[in-house]
């Protein structure tokens, strides 16, 4: 029984070591901002990544929505909410 536990622990340890080696060996590490290192290429300047500018969507015409949904204001609140979301 004790030998099975030792064998299981050994297999688990070897598996964890192999997985950690595989995961860490393939990535480039950024030592300083703008300076990267890999085992294959050594130290080099990191490639610049273009950041995409995301513009916010324009706000909808809230006055028109309010006027369109005003008849639903004093009815069921779910009907008014649906009108505001859909209009």
PDB file of N, CA and C in Angstrom:
ATOM      1  N   UNK A   1       0.821  -1.200   0.000  1.00  0.00           N
ATOM      2  CA  UNK A   1       0.000   0.000   0.000  1.00  0.00           C
ATOM      3  C   UNK A   1       0.864   1.261   0.000  1.00  0.00           C
ATOM      4  N   UNK A   2       1.917   1.239   0.821  1.00  0.00           N
ATOM      5  CA  UNK A   2       2.785   2.403   0.925  1.00  0.00           C
ATOM      6  C   UNK A   2       3.563   2.628  -0.383  1.00  0.00           C
ATOM      7  N   UNK A   3       3.921   1.541  -1.066  1.00  0.00           N
ATOM      8  CA  UNK A   3       4.664   1.676  -2.315  1.00  0.00           C
ATOM      9  C   UNK A   3       3.789   2.293  -3.418  1.00  0.00           C
ATOM     10  N   UNK A   4       2.463   2.014  -3.390  1.00  0.00           N
ATOM     11  CA  UNK A   4       1.562   2.622  -4.354  1.00  0.00           C
ATOM     12  C   UNK A   4       1.467   4.121  -4.149  1.00  0.00           C
ATOM     13  N   UNK A   5       1.440   4.555  -2.908  1.00  0.00           N
ATOM     14  CA  UNK A   5       1.370   5.992  -2.609  1.00  0.00           C
ATOM     15  C   UNK A   5       2.648   6.685  -3.053  1.00  0.00           C
ATOM     16  N   UNK A   6       3.787   6.054  -2.803  1.00  0.00           N
ATOM     17  CA  UNK A   6       5.069   6.640  -3.210  1.00  0.00           C
ATOM     18  C   UNK A   6       5.152   6.705  -4.732  1.00  0.00           C
ATOM     19  N   UNK A   7       4.719   5.657  -5.415  1.00  0.00           N
ATOM     20  CA  UNK A   7       4.725   5.642  -6.876  1.00  0.00           C
ATOM     21  C   UNK A   7       3.811   6.725  -7.442  1.00  0.00           C
ATOM     22  N   UNK A   8       2.625   6.871  -6.856  1.00  0.00           N
ATOM     23  CA  UNK A   8       1.690   7.908  -7.297  1.00  0.00           C
ATOM     24  C   UNK A   8       2.292   9.296  -7.094  1.00  0.00           C
ATOM     25  N   UNK A   9       2.903   9.532  -5.940  1.00  0.00           N
ATOM     26  CA  UNK A   9       3.534  10.832  -5.659  1.00  0.00           C
ATOM     27  C   UNK A   9       4.657  11.114  -6.644  1.00  0.00           C
ATOM     28  N   UNK A  10       5.442  10.082  -6.980  1.00  0.00           N
ATOM     29  CA  UNK A  10       6.537  10.258  -7.920  1.00  0.00           C
ATOM     30  C   UNK A  10       6.010  10.609  -9.317  1.00  0.00           C
ATOM     31  N   UNK A  11       4.997   9.898  -9.772  1.00  0.00           N
ATOM     32  CA  UNK A  11       4.411  10.170 -11.089  1.00  0.00           C
ATOM     33  C   UNK A  11       3.806  11.576 -11.119  1.00  0.00           C
ATOM     34  N   UNK A  12       3.141  11.967 -10.066  1.00  0.00           N
ATOM     35  CA  UNK A  12       2.564  13.303  -9.985  1.00  0.00           C
ATOM     36  C   UNK A  12       3.645  14.375 -10.025  1.00  0.00           C
ATOM     37  N   UNK A  13       4.726  14.170  -9.293  1.00  0.00           N
ATOM     38  CA  UNK A  13       5.822  15.134  -9.270  1.00  0.00           C
ATOM     39  C   UNK A  13       6.466  15.272 -10.651  1.00  0.00           C
ATOM     40  N   UNK A  14       6.716  14.150 -11.314  1.00  0.00           N
ATOM     41  CA  UNK A  14       7.325  14.190 -12.647  1.00  0.00           C
ATOM     42  C   UNK A  14       6.388  14.891 -13.631  1.00  0.00           C
ATOM     43  N   UNK A  15       5.104  14.608 -13.549  1.00  0.00           N
ATOM     44  CA  UNK A  15       4.136  15.252 -14.438  1.00  0.00           C
ATOM     45  C   UNK A  15       4.103  16.759 -14.223  1.00  0.00           C
ATOM     46  N   UNK A  16       4.082  17.203 -12.983  1.00  0.00           N
ATOM     47  CA  UNK A  16       4.065  18.637 -12.690  1.00  0.00           C
ATOM     48  C   UNK A  16       5.336  19.331 -13.179  1.00  0.00           C
ATOM     49  N   UNK A  17       6.466  18.693 -13.025  1.00  0.00           N
ATOM     50  CA  UNK A  17       7.725  19.286 -13.490  1.00  0.00           C
ATOM     51  C   UNK A  17       7.724  19.399 -15.016  1.00  0.00           C
ATOM     52  N   UNK A  18       7.273  18.380 -15.710  1.00  0.00           N
ATOM     53  CA  UNK A  18       7.250  18.424 -17.172  1.00  0.00           C
ATOM     54  C   UNK A  18       6.281  19.482 -17.695  1.00  0.00           C
ATOM     55  N   UNK A  19       5.121  19.593 -17.075  1.00  0.00           N
ATOM     56  CA  UNK A  19       4.152  20.601 -17.503  1.00  0.00           C
ATOM     57  C   UNK A  19       4.703  22.005 -17.265  1.00  0.00           C
ATOM     58  N   UNK A  20       5.343  22.225 -16.126  1.00  0.00           N
ATOM     59  CA  UNK A  20       5.882  23.560 -15.852  1.00  0.00           C
ATOM     60  C   UNK A  20       7.015  23.912 -16.811  1.00  0.00           C
ATOM     61  N   UNK A  21       7.821  22.948 -17.211  1.00  0.00           N
ATOM     62  CA  UNK A  21       8.885  23.208 -18.180  1.00  0.00           C
ATOM     63  C   UNK A  21       8.297  23.535 -19.543  1.00  0.00           C
ATOM     64  N   UNK A  22       7.286  22.801 -19.961  1.00  0.00           N
ATOM     65  CA  UNK A  22       6.665  23.051 -21.264  1.00  0.00           C
ATOM     66  C   UNK A  22       5.986  24.410 -21.315  1.00  0.00           C
ATOM     67  N   UNK A  23       5.341  24.804 -20.246  1.00  0.00           N
ATOM     68  CA  UNK A  23       4.622  26.078 -20.242  1.00  0.00           C
ATOM     69  C   UNK A  23       5.581  27.256 -20.221  1.00  0.00           C
ATOM     70  N   UNK A  24       6.620  27.188 -19.426  1.00  0.00           N
ATOM     71  CA  UNK A  24       7.487  28.356 -19.250  1.00  0.00           C
ATOM     72  C   UNK A  24       8.538  28.504 -20.345  1.00  0.00           C
ATOM     73  N   UNK A  25       8.867  27.461 -21.062  1.00  0.00           N
ATOM     74  CA  UNK A  25       9.966  27.554 -22.020  1.00  0.00           C
ATOM     75  C   UNK A  25       9.559  28.180 -23.343  1.00  0.00           C
ATOM     76  N   UNK A  26       8.288  28.285 -23.646  1.00  0.00           N
ATOM     77  CA  UNK A  26       7.860  28.751 -24.958  1.00  0.00           C
ATOM     78  C   UNK A  26       7.550  30.239 -25.008  1.00  0.00           C
ATOM     79  N   UNK A  27       7.532  30.905 -23.911  1.00  0.00           N
ATOM     80  CA  UNK A  27       7.091  32.299 -23.911  1.00  0.00           C
ATOM     81  C   UNK A  27       8.283  33.247 -23.831  1.00  0.00           C
ATOM     82  N   UNK A  28       8.118  34.407 -24.474  1.00  0.00           N
ATOM     83  CA  UNK A  28       9.106  35.460 -24.344  1.00  0.00           C
ATOM     84  C   UNK A  28       8.822  36.244 -23.076  1.00  0.00           C
ATOM     85  N   UNK A  29       9.838  36.586 -22.353  1.00  0.00           N
ATOM     86  CA  UNK A  29       9.645  37.302 -21.096  1.00  0.00           C
ATOM     87  C   UNK A  29      10.076  38.752 -21.272  1.00  0.00           C
ATOM     88  N   UNK A  30       9.278  39.664 -20.757  1.00  0.00           N
ATOM     89  CA  UNK A  30       9.590  41.086 -20.836  1.00  0.00           C
ATOM     90  C   UNK A  30      10.325  41.461 -19.551  1.00  0.00           C
ATOM     91  N   UNK A  31      11.632  41.660 -19.666  1.00  0.00           N
ATOM     92  CA  UNK A  31      12.469  41.945 -18.509  1.00  0.00           C
ATOM     93  C   UNK A  31      12.242  43.370 -18.032  1.00  0.00           C
ATOM     94  N   UNK A  32      12.384  44.307 -18.933  1.00  0.00           N
ATOM     95  CA  UNK A  32      12.123  45.723 -18.679  1.00  0.00           C
ATOM     96  C   UNK A  32      11.083  46.168 -19.690  1.00  0.00           C
ATOM     97  N   UNK A  33      10.391  47.271 -19.422  1.00  0.00           N
ATOM     98  CA  UNK A  33       9.407  47.735 -20.412  1.00  0.00           C
ATOM     99  C   UNK A  33      10.082  47.982 -21.764  1.00  0.00           C
ATOM    100  N   UNK A  34       9.600  47.276 -22.799  1.00  0.00           N
ATOM    101  CA  UNK A  34      10.143  47.437 -24.140  1.00  0.00           C
ATOM    102  C   UNK A  34      11.303  46.518 -24.460  1.00  0.00           C
ATOM    103  N   UNK A  35      11.785  45.721 -23.488  1.00  0.00           N
ATOM    104  CA  UNK A  35      12.926  44.836 -23.695  1.00  0.00           C
ATOM    105  C   UNK A  35      12.486  43.402 -23.414  1.00  0.00           C
ATOM    106  N   UNK A  36      12.583  42.533 -24.425  1.00  0.00           N
ATOM    107  CA  UNK A  36      12.126  41.150 -24.289  1.00  0.00           C
ATOM    108  C   UNK A  36      13.313  40.196 -24.350  1.00  0.00           C
ATOM    109  N   UNK A  37      13.087  38.957 -23.881  1.00  0.00           N
ATOM    110  CA  UNK A  37      14.122  37.927 -23.891  1.00  0.00           C
ATOM    111  C   UNK A  37      13.500  36.579 -24.181  1.00  0.00           C
ATOM    112  N   UNK A  38      14.115  35.827 -25.075  1.00  0.00           N
ATOM    113  CA  UNK A  38      13.779  34.414 -25.282  1.00  0.00           C
ATOM    114  C   UNK A  38      15.091  33.648 -25.359  1.00  0.00           C
ATOM    115  N   UNK A  39      15.031  32.350 -25.096  1.00  0.00           N
ATOM    116  CA  UNK A  39      16.230  31.523 -25.162  1.00  0.00           C
ATOM    117  C   UNK A  39      16.762  31.445 -26.585  1.00  0.00           C
ATOM    118  N   UNK A  40      15.857  31.460 -27.553  1.00  0.00           N
ATOM    119  CA  UNK A  40      16.254  31.311 -28.949  1.00  0.00           C
ATOM    120  C   UNK A  40      16.915  32.575 -29.488  1.00  0.00           C
ATOM    121  N   UNK A  41      16.312  33.751 -29.220  1.00  0.00           N
ATOM    122  CA  UNK A  41      16.798  35.006 -29.803  1.00  0.00           C
ATOM    123  C   UNK A  41      17.633  35.837 -28.846  1.00  0.00           C
ATOM    124  N   UNK A  42      17.586  35.553 -27.585  1.00  0.00           N
ATOM    125  CA  UNK A  42      18.311  36.360 -26.610  1.00  0.00           C
ATOM    126  C   UNK A  42      17.519  37.623 -26.297  1.00  0.00           C
ATOM    127  N   UNK A  43      18.220  38.696 -25.998  1.00  0.00           N
ATOM    128  CA  UNK A  43      17.570  39.961 -25.656  1.00  0.00           C
ATOM    129  C   UNK A  43      17.312  40.765 -26.925  1.00  0.00           C
ATOM    130  N   UNK A  44      16.105  41.333 -27.022  1.00  0.00           N
ATOM    131  CA  UNK A  44      15.746  42.135 -28.185  1.00  0.00           C
ATOM    132  C   UNK A  44      14.654  43.118 -27.787  1.00  0.00           C
ATOM    133  N   UNK A  45      14.441  44.115 -28.650  1.00  0.00           N
ATOM    134  CA  UNK A  45      13.374  45.074 -28.402  1.00  0.00           C
ATOM    135  C   UNK A  45      12.030  44.422 -28.717  1.00  0.00           C
ATOM    136  N   UNK A  46      11.094  44.581 -27.808  1.00  0.00           N
ATOM    137  CA  UNK A  46       9.771  43.996 -28.007  1.00  0.00           C
ATOM    138  C   UNK A  46       9.081  44.673 -29.187  1.00  0.00           C
ATOM    139  N   UNK A  47       8.367  43.893 -29.989  1.00  0.00           N
ATOM    140  CA  UNK A  47       7.614  44.505 -31.088  1.00  0.00           C
ATOM    141  C   UNK A  47       6.486  45.366 -30.526  1.00  0.00           C
ATOM    142  N   UNK A  48       6.312  46.515 -31.152  1.00  0.00           N
ATOM    143  CA  UNK A  48       5.253  47.407 -30.689  1.00  0.00           C
ATOM    144  C   UNK A  48       3.906  46.881 -31.152  1.00  0.00           C
ATOM    145  N   UNK A  49       2.963  46.878 -30.259  1.00  0.00           N
ATOM    146  CA  UNK A  49       1.623  46.417 -30.567  1.00  0.00           C
ATOM    147  C   UNK A  49       0.737  47.635 -30.744  1.00  0.00           C
ATOM    148  N   UNK A  50       0.101  47.714 -31.926  1.00  0.00           N
ATOM    149  CA  UNK A  50      -0.789  48.843 -32.175  1.00  0.00           C
ATOM    150  C   UNK A  50      -2.061  48.665 -31.361  1.00  0.00           C
ATOM    151  N   UNK A  51      -2.424  49.710 -30.643  1.00  0.00           N
ATOM    152  CA  UNK A  51      -3.643  49.648 -29.861  1.00  0.00           C
ATOM    153  C   UNK A  51      -4.769  50.261 -30.679  1.00  0.00           C
ATOM    154  N   UNK A  52      -5.833  49.502 -30.794  1.00  0.00           N
ATOM    155  CA  UNK A  52      -6.977  49.946 -31.579  1.00  0.00           C
ATOM    156  C   UNK A  52      -7.801  50.928 -30.754  1.00  0.00           C
ATOM    157  N   UNK A  53      -8.107  52.056 -31.335  1.00  0.00           N
ATOM    158  CA  UNK A  53      -8.915  53.057 -30.652  1.00  0.00           C
ATOM    159  C   UNK A  53     -10.382  52.701 -30.823  1.00  0.00           C
ATOM    160  N   UNK A  54     -11.056  52.554 -29.713  1.00  0.00           N
ATOM    161  CA  UNK A  54     -12.479  52.228 -29.738  1.00  0.00           C
ATOM    162  C   UNK A  54     -13.260  53.479 -29.355  1.00  0.00           C
ATOM    163  N   UNK A  55     -14.047  53.954 -30.293  1.00  0.00           N
ATOM    164  CA  UNK A  55     -14.849  55.142 -30.044  1.00  0.00           C
ATOM    165  C   UNK A  55     -16.194  54.740 -29.448  1.00  0.00           C
ATOM    166  N   UNK A  56     -16.697  55.505 -28.492  1.00  0.00           N
ATOM    167  CA  UNK A  56     -18.004  55.165 -27.924  1.00  0.00           C
ATOM    168  C   UNK A  56     -19.116  55.426 -28.936  1.00  0.00           C
ATOM    169  N   UNK A  57     -20.178  54.648 -28.813  1.00  0.00           N
ATOM    170  CA  UNK A  57     -21.316  54.852 -29.694  1.00  0.00           C
ATOM    171  C   UNK A  57     -22.022  56.144 -29.313  1.00  0.00           C
ATOM    172  N   UNK A  58     -22.539  56.852 -30.290  1.00  0.00           N
ATOM    173  CA  UNK A  58     -23.253  58.090 -29.959  1.00  0.00           C
ATOM    174  C   UNK A  58     -24.518  57.769 -29.154  1.00  0.00           C
ATOM    175  N   UNK A  59     -24.851  58.666 -28.255  1.00  0.00           N
ATOM    176  CA  UNK A  59     -26.046  58.472 -27.439  1.00  0.00           C
ATOM    177  C   UNK A  59     -27.296  58.620 -28.292  1.00  0.00           C
ATOM    178  N   UNK A  60     -28.294  57.792 -28.025  1.00  0.00           N
ATOM    179  CA  UNK A  60     -29.531  57.909 -28.803  1.00  0.00           C
ATOM    180  C   UNK A  60     -30.280  59.179 -28.425  1.00  0.00           C
ATOM    181  N   UNK A  61     -31.215  59.531 -29.263  1.00  0.00           N
ATOM    182  CA  UNK A  61     -32.031  60.723 -29.023  1.00  0.00           C
ATOM    183  C   UNK A  61     -33.009  60.418 -27.886  1.00  0.00           C
ATOM    184  N   UNK A  62     -32.625  60.797 -26.667  1.00  0.00           N
ATOM    185  CA  UNK A  62     -33.417  60.452 -25.485  1.00  0.00           C
ATOM    186  C   UNK A  62     -34.734  61.222 -25.420  1.00  0.00           C
ATOM    187  N   UNK A  63     -34.769  62.447 -25.920  1.00  0.00           N
ATOM    188  CA  UNK A  63     -36.008  63.223 -25.898  1.00  0.00           C
ATOM    189  C   UNK A  63     -37.083  62.558 -26.766  1.00  0.00           C
ATOM    190  N   UNK A  64     -36.680  62.063 -27.927  1.00  0.00           N
ATOM    191  CA  UNK A  64     -37.633  61.396 -28.811  1.00  0.00           C
ATOM    192  C   UNK A  64     -38.140  60.116 -28.160  1.00  0.00           C
ATOM    193  N   UNK A  65     -37.242  59.365 -27.523  1.00  0.00           N
ATOM    194  CA  UNK A  65     -37.666  58.133 -26.846  1.00  0.00           C
ATOM    195  C   UNK A  65     -38.667  58.443 -25.738  1.00  0.00           C
ATOM    196  N   UNK A  66     -38.390  59.488 -24.979  1.00  0.00           N
ATOM    197  CA  UNK A  66     -39.282  59.835 -23.878  1.00  0.00           C
ATOM    198  C   UNK A  66     -40.679  60.196 -24.400  1.00  0.00           C
ATOM    199  N   UNK A  67     -40.713  60.989 -25.474  1.00  0.00           N
ATOM    200  CA  UNK A  67     -42.000  61.392 -26.036  1.00  0.00           C
ATOM    201  C   UNK A  67     -42.753  60.205 -26.624  1.00  0.00           C
ATOM    202  N   UNK A  68     -42.031  59.290 -27.279  1.00  0.00           N
ATOM    203  CA  UNK A  68     -42.682  58.113 -27.854  1.00  0.00           C
ATOM    204  C   UNK A  68     -43.246  57.188 -26.781  1.00  0.00           C
ATOM    205  N   UNK A  69     -42.589  57.103 -25.642  1.00  0.00           N
ATOM    206  CA  UNK A  69     -42.983  56.147 -24.604  1.00  0.00           C
ATOM    207  C   UNK A  69     -43.796  56.778 -23.475  1.00  0.00           C
ATOM    208  N   UNK A  70     -44.083  58.072 -23.564  1.00  0.00           N
ATOM    209  CA  UNK A  70     -44.835  58.740 -22.496  1.00  0.00           C
ATOM    210  C   UNK A  70     -46.225  58.132 -22.255  1.00  0.00           C
ATOM    211  N   UNK A  71     -46.949  57.654 -23.281  1.00  0.00           N
ATOM    212  CA  UNK A  71     -48.250  57.020 -23.002  1.00  0.00           C
ATOM    213  C   UNK A  71     -48.137  55.765 -22.126  1.00  0.00           C
ATOM    214  N   UNK A  72     -46.996  55.102 -22.158  1.00  0.00           N
ATOM    215  CA  UNK A  72     -46.809  53.888 -21.356  1.00  0.00           C
ATOM    216  C   UNK A  72     -46.358  54.187 -19.930  1.00  0.00           C
ATOM    217  N   UNK A  73     -46.097  55.441 -19.623  1.00  0.00           N
ATOM    218  CA  UNK A  73     -45.529  55.806 -18.329  1.00  0.00           C
ATOM    219  C   UNK A  73     -46.443  55.443 -17.165  1.00  0.00           C
ATOM    220  N   UNK A  74     -47.731  55.609 -17.325  1.00  0.00           N
ATOM    221  CA  UNK A  74     -48.656  55.368 -16.220  1.00  0.00           C
ATOM    222  C   UNK A  74     -49.314  53.994 -16.306  1.00  0.00           C
ATOM    223  N   UNK A  75     -48.885  53.189 -17.246  1.00  0.00           N
ATOM    224  CA  UNK A  75     -49.382  51.816 -17.343  1.00  0.00           C
ATOM    225  C   UNK A  75     -48.422  50.901 -16.585  1.00  0.00           C
ATOM    226  N   UNK A  76     -48.365  49.685 -17.009  1.00  0.00           N
ATOM    227  CA  UNK A  76     -47.468  48.706 -16.395  1.00  0.00           C
ATOM    228  C   UNK A  76     -46.021  49.162 -16.569  1.00  0.00           C
ATOM    229  N   UNK A  77     -45.215  49.088 -15.499  1.00  0.00           N
ATOM    230  CA  UNK A  77     -43.833  49.567 -15.588  1.00  0.00           C
ATOM    231  C   UNK A  77     -42.995  48.720 -16.533  1.00  0.00           C
ATOM    232  N   UNK A  78     -43.358  47.461 -16.700  1.00  0.00           N
ATOM    233  CA  UNK A  78     -42.630  46.618 -17.635  1.00  0.00           C
ATOM    234  C   UNK A  78     -42.869  47.074 -19.076  1.00  0.00           C
ATOM    235  N   UNK A  79     -44.085  47.510 -19.368  1.00  0.00           N
ATOM    236  CA  UNK A  79     -44.394  47.996 -20.717  1.00  0.00           C
ATOM    237  C   UNK A  79     -43.592  49.256 -21.019  1.00  0.00           C
ATOM    238  N   UNK A  80     -43.485  50.154 -20.035  1.00  0.00           N
ATOM    239  CA  UNK A  80     -42.714  51.384 -20.239  1.00  0.00           C
ATOM    240  C   UNK A  80     -41.228  51.064 -20.431  1.00  0.00           C
ATOM    241  N   UNK A  81     -40.709  50.147 -19.624  1.00  0.00           N
ATOM    242  CA  UNK A  81     -39.298  49.771 -19.746  1.00  0.00           C
ATOM    243  C   UNK A  81     -39.013  49.142 -21.101  1.00  0.00           C
ATOM    244  N   UNK A  82     -39.916  48.273 -21.546  1.00  0.00           N
ATOM    245  CA  UNK A  82     -39.736  47.670 -22.870  1.00  0.00           C
ATOM    246  C   UNK A  82     -39.776  48.710 -23.965  1.00  0.00           C
ATOM    247  N   UNK A  83     -40.649  49.687 -23.831  1.00  0.00           N
ATOM    248  CA  UNK A  83     -40.736  50.754 -24.826  1.00  0.00           C
ATOM    249  C   UNK A  83     -39.436  51.543 -24.877  1.00  0.00           C
ATOM    250  N   UNK A  84     -38.892  51.899 -23.721  1.00  0.00           N
ATOM    251  CA  UNK A  84     -37.642  52.686 -23.678  1.00  0.00           C
ATOM    252  C   UNK A  84     -36.494  51.876 -24.290  1.00  0.00           C
ATOM    253  N   UNK A  85     -36.441  50.582 -23.996  1.00  0.00           N
ATOM    254  CA  UNK A  85     -35.346  49.762 -24.510  1.00  0.00           C
ATOM    255  C   UNK A  85     -35.469  49.511 -26.000  1.00  0.00           C
ATOM    256  N   UNK A  86     -36.673  49.399 -26.510  1.00  0.00           N
ATOM    257  CA  UNK A  86     -36.880  49.066 -27.911  1.00  0.00           C
ATOM    258  C   UNK A  86     -36.931  50.314 -28.797  1.00  0.00           C
ATOM    259  N   UNK A  87     -37.532  51.392 -28.315  1.00  0.00           N
ATOM    260  CA  UNK A  87     -37.747  52.594 -29.142  1.00  0.00           C
ATOM    261  C   UNK A  87     -36.452  53.178 -29.646  1.00  0.00           C
TER     262      UNK A  87
END
